[in-house]
Amino acid sequence: MGKSLYSKDQTNLANKLKEAREKAKLDQKAIAKLLGKTQSYISKVESGQRRVDVIELKEFSRIYKQKLSFFVQEK
């Protein structure tokens, strides 16, 4: 499995993160503050330009009140 930033899995994760944020009615700036990151970081994650590790994904999951399985598409 390649490490391309623009793999299908990475694109799906980025889309799910954006979808969850919008469902939570939060903007990127609010999420950035909760995570101790910049708005630019959130933007890059949601556009697929930046990867997140499992620990960061757990934090997103907690903030958005979504199960981890919401973000990860099984094959």
N, C-alpha and C. Protein backbone atom coordinates (compact mmCIF):
# COMPACT_ATOMS: atom_id res chain seq x y z
N MET A 1 0.84 -1.18 0.00
CA MET A 1 0.00 0.00 0.00
C MET A 1 0.88 1.24 0.00
N GLY A 2 0.64 2.13 -0.93
CA GLY A 2 1.44 3.33 -1.04
C GLY A 2 1.09 4.36 0.02
N LYS A 3 1.94 5.35 0.14
CA LYS A 3 1.73 6.39 1.13
C LYS A 3 1.28 7.70 0.49
N SER A 4 0.70 7.63 -0.66
CA SER A 4 0.25 8.84 -1.35
C SER A 4 -0.75 9.60 -0.49
N LEU A 5 -0.56 10.90 -0.43
CA LEU A 5 -1.51 11.73 0.30
C LEU A 5 -2.88 11.71 -0.36
N TYR A 6 -2.92 11.42 -1.63
CA TYR A 6 -4.18 11.48 -2.35
C TYR A 6 -4.73 10.10 -2.69
N SER A 7 -4.45 9.13 -1.85
CA SER A 7 -5.01 7.80 -2.04
C SER A 7 -6.52 7.86 -1.79
N LYS A 8 -7.21 6.85 -2.24
CA LYS A 8 -8.65 6.78 -2.06
C LYS A 8 -9.01 6.81 -0.57
N ASP A 9 -8.27 6.06 0.24
CA ASP A 9 -8.54 6.02 1.68
C ASP A 9 -8.32 7.39 2.33
N GLN A 10 -7.25 8.07 1.93
CA GLN A 10 -6.98 9.40 2.48
C GLN A 10 -8.07 10.39 2.09
N THR A 11 -8.50 10.33 0.86
CA THR A 11 -9.57 11.21 0.39
C THR A 11 -10.86 10.94 1.14
N ASN A 12 -11.19 9.66 1.34
CA ASN A 12 -12.40 9.31 2.08
C ASN A 12 -12.34 9.81 3.52
N LEU A 13 -11.19 9.65 4.18
CA LEU A 13 -11.04 10.12 5.55
C LEU A 13 -11.19 11.64 5.62
N ALA A 14 -10.56 12.34 4.72
CA ALA A 14 -10.66 13.81 4.70
C ALA A 14 -12.12 14.25 4.53
N ASN A 15 -12.83 13.59 3.64
CA ASN A 15 -14.24 13.92 3.43
C ASN A 15 -15.09 13.65 4.66
N LYS A 16 -14.81 12.54 5.34
CA LYS A 16 -15.56 12.18 6.54
C LYS A 16 -15.28 13.16 7.68
N LEU A 17 -14.04 13.61 7.79
CA LEU A 17 -13.70 14.59 8.83
C LEU A 17 -14.45 15.90 8.60
N LYS A 18 -14.50 16.33 7.36
CA LYS A 18 -15.23 17.55 7.03
C LYS A 18 -16.73 17.37 7.29
N GLU A 19 -17.26 16.24 6.87
CA GLU A 19 -18.68 15.94 7.06
C GLU A 19 -19.03 15.95 8.55
N ALA A 20 -18.20 15.33 9.37
CA ALA A 20 -18.46 15.27 10.81
C ALA A 20 -18.41 16.66 11.44
N ARG A 21 -17.46 17.47 11.00
CA ARG A 21 -17.37 18.84 11.52
C ARG A 21 -18.62 19.63 11.17
N GLU A 22 -19.06 19.51 9.94
CA GLU A 22 -20.25 20.24 9.51
C GLU A 22 -21.50 19.76 10.25
N LYS A 23 -21.60 18.45 10.47
CA LYS A 23 -22.74 17.91 11.24
C LYS A 23 -22.74 18.44 12.66
N ALA A 24 -21.54 18.63 13.21
CA ALA A 24 -21.40 19.15 14.57
C ALA A 24 -21.60 20.66 14.62
N LYS A 25 -21.80 21.27 13.45
CA LYS A 25 -22.01 22.72 13.34
C LYS A 25 -20.87 23.52 13.97
N LEU A 26 -19.65 23.08 13.65
CA LEU A 26 -18.45 23.75 14.12
C LEU A 26 -17.64 24.22 12.93
N ASP A 27 -16.94 25.33 13.09
CA ASP A 27 -16.07 25.78 12.01
C ASP A 27 -14.64 25.31 12.28
N GLN A 28 -13.80 25.46 11.28
CA GLN A 28 -12.41 24.99 11.38
C GLN A 28 -11.67 25.68 12.52
N LYS A 29 -11.94 26.93 12.73
CA LYS A 29 -11.27 27.68 13.79
C LYS A 29 -11.60 27.10 15.18
N ALA A 30 -12.86 26.74 15.39
CA ALA A 30 -13.27 26.16 16.67
C ALA A 30 -12.60 24.81 16.90
N ILE A 31 -12.54 23.99 15.87
CA ILE A 31 -11.90 22.68 15.99
C ILE A 31 -10.41 22.85 16.27
N ALA A 32 -9.80 23.77 15.56
CA ALA A 32 -8.37 24.03 15.76
C ALA A 32 -8.09 24.40 17.21
N LYS A 33 -8.92 25.24 17.77
CA LYS A 33 -8.74 25.65 19.16
C LYS A 33 -8.87 24.46 20.11
N LEU A 34 -9.87 23.63 19.89
CA LEU A 34 -10.08 22.45 20.73
C LEU A 34 -8.91 21.47 20.66
N LEU A 35 -8.27 21.39 19.50
CA LEU A 35 -7.15 20.47 19.30
C LEU A 35 -5.79 21.11 19.60
N GLY A 36 -5.78 22.41 19.82
CA GLY A 36 -4.51 23.09 20.03
C GLY A 36 -3.69 23.18 18.76
N LYS A 37 -4.39 23.29 17.63
CA LYS A 37 -3.76 23.38 16.31
C LYS A 37 -4.16 24.69 15.66
N THR A 38 -3.68 24.92 14.46
CA THR A 38 -4.08 26.11 13.71
C THR A 38 -5.24 25.78 12.78
N GLN A 39 -5.95 26.81 12.34
CA GLN A 39 -7.03 26.61 11.37
C GLN A 39 -6.46 26.04 10.08
N SER A 40 -5.25 26.45 9.74
CA SER A 40 -4.58 25.96 8.54
C SER A 40 -4.37 24.44 8.61
N TYR A 41 -4.03 23.95 9.79
CA TYR A 41 -3.85 22.50 9.98
C TYR A 41 -5.15 21.77 9.67
N ILE A 42 -6.26 22.26 10.21
CA ILE A 42 -7.57 21.62 9.98
C ILE A 42 -7.92 21.67 8.50
N SER A 43 -7.67 22.79 7.86
CA SER A 43 -7.93 22.93 6.44
C SER A 43 -7.13 21.90 5.63
N LYS A 44 -5.87 21.73 5.96
CA LYS A 44 -5.03 20.77 5.24
C LYS A 44 -5.49 19.33 5.48
N VAL A 45 -5.92 19.03 6.69
CA VAL A 45 -6.43 17.69 6.99
C VAL A 45 -7.69 17.43 6.15
N GLU A 46 -8.60 18.39 6.14
CA GLU A 46 -9.87 18.21 5.43
C GLU A 46 -9.72 18.20 3.91
N SER A 47 -8.65 18.79 3.41
CA SER A 47 -8.43 18.78 1.97
C SER A 47 -7.56 17.59 1.54
N GLY A 48 -7.11 16.81 2.51
CA GLY A 48 -6.30 15.63 2.21
C GLY A 48 -4.82 15.93 2.03
N GLN A 49 -4.41 17.16 2.30
CA GLN A 49 -3.00 17.54 2.15
C GLN A 49 -2.14 17.10 3.33
N ARG A 50 -2.80 16.75 4.43
CA ARG A 50 -2.07 16.36 5.63
C ARG A 50 -2.72 15.10 6.21
N ARG A 51 -1.88 14.16 6.59
CA ARG A 51 -2.36 12.93 7.21
C ARG A 51 -2.58 13.12 8.70
N VAL A 52 -3.47 12.31 9.28
CA VAL A 52 -3.64 12.27 10.73
C VAL A 52 -3.29 10.88 11.22
N ASP A 53 -2.71 10.80 12.40
CA ASP A 53 -2.42 9.49 12.96
C ASP A 53 -3.62 9.03 13.80
N VAL A 54 -3.56 7.84 14.31
CA VAL A 54 -4.70 7.26 15.02
C VAL A 54 -5.03 8.05 16.30
N ILE A 55 -4.03 8.59 16.96
CA ILE A 55 -4.27 9.38 18.18
C ILE A 55 -5.04 10.66 17.83
N GLU A 56 -4.64 11.31 16.75
CA GLU A 56 -5.35 12.51 16.32
C GLU A 56 -6.77 12.16 15.88
N LEU A 57 -6.92 11.05 15.20
CA LEU A 57 -8.24 10.62 14.76
C LEU A 57 -9.16 10.37 15.96
N LYS A 58 -8.61 9.80 17.01
CA LYS A 58 -9.40 9.59 18.23
C LYS A 58 -9.87 10.92 18.81
N GLU A 59 -9.04 11.94 18.74
CA GLU A 59 -9.42 13.26 19.23
C GLU A 59 -10.53 13.86 18.38
N PHE A 60 -10.40 13.75 17.06
CA PHE A 60 -11.47 14.22 16.18
C PHE A 60 -12.77 13.48 16.51
N SER A 61 -12.65 12.18 16.68
CA SER A 61 -13.81 11.35 16.99
C SER A 61 -14.50 11.80 18.26
N ARG A 62 -13.72 12.10 19.28
CA ARG A 62 -14.27 12.55 20.57
C ARG A 62 -14.97 13.89 20.40
N ILE A 63 -14.33 14.83 19.72
CA ILE A 63 -14.90 16.16 19.54
C ILE A 63 -16.20 16.10 18.73
N TYR A 64 -16.20 15.29 17.69
CA TYR A 64 -17.37 15.21 16.82
C TYR A 64 -18.43 14.23 17.33
N LYS A 65 -18.12 13.54 18.42
CA LYS A 65 -19.04 12.55 19.01
C LYS A 65 -19.44 11.49 17.97
N GLN A 66 -18.43 10.99 17.29
CA GLN A 66 -18.60 9.94 16.28
C GLN A 66 -17.72 8.75 16.65
N LYS A 67 -18.16 7.56 16.32
CA LYS A 67 -17.32 6.38 16.51
C LYS A 67 -16.20 6.41 15.48
N LEU A 68 -15.09 5.78 15.83
CA LEU A 68 -13.97 5.71 14.89
C LEU A 68 -14.39 5.07 13.57
N SER A 69 -15.29 4.12 13.65
CA SER A 69 -15.74 3.43 12.43
C SER A 69 -16.43 4.38 11.44
N PHE A 70 -16.93 5.51 11.91
CA PHE A 70 -17.53 6.50 11.01
C PHE A 70 -16.49 7.02 10.02
N PHE A 71 -15.24 7.12 10.47
CA PHE A 71 -14.18 7.73 9.67
C PHE A 71 -13.42 6.74 8.79
N VAL A 72 -13.47 5.47 9.14
CA VAL A 72 -12.65 4.48 8.46
C VAL A 72 -13.54 3.52 7.70
N GLN A 73 -13.35 3.50 6.39
CA GLN A 73 -14.14 2.62 5.54
C GLN A 73 -13.45 1.26 5.43
N GLU A 74 -14.14 0.23 5.85
CA GLU A 74 -13.57 -1.12 5.74
C GLU A 74 -13.78 -1.66 4.35
N LYS A 75 -12.86 -2.51 3.94
CA LYS A 75 -12.93 -3.08 2.58
C LYS A 75 -13.61 -4.40 2.58
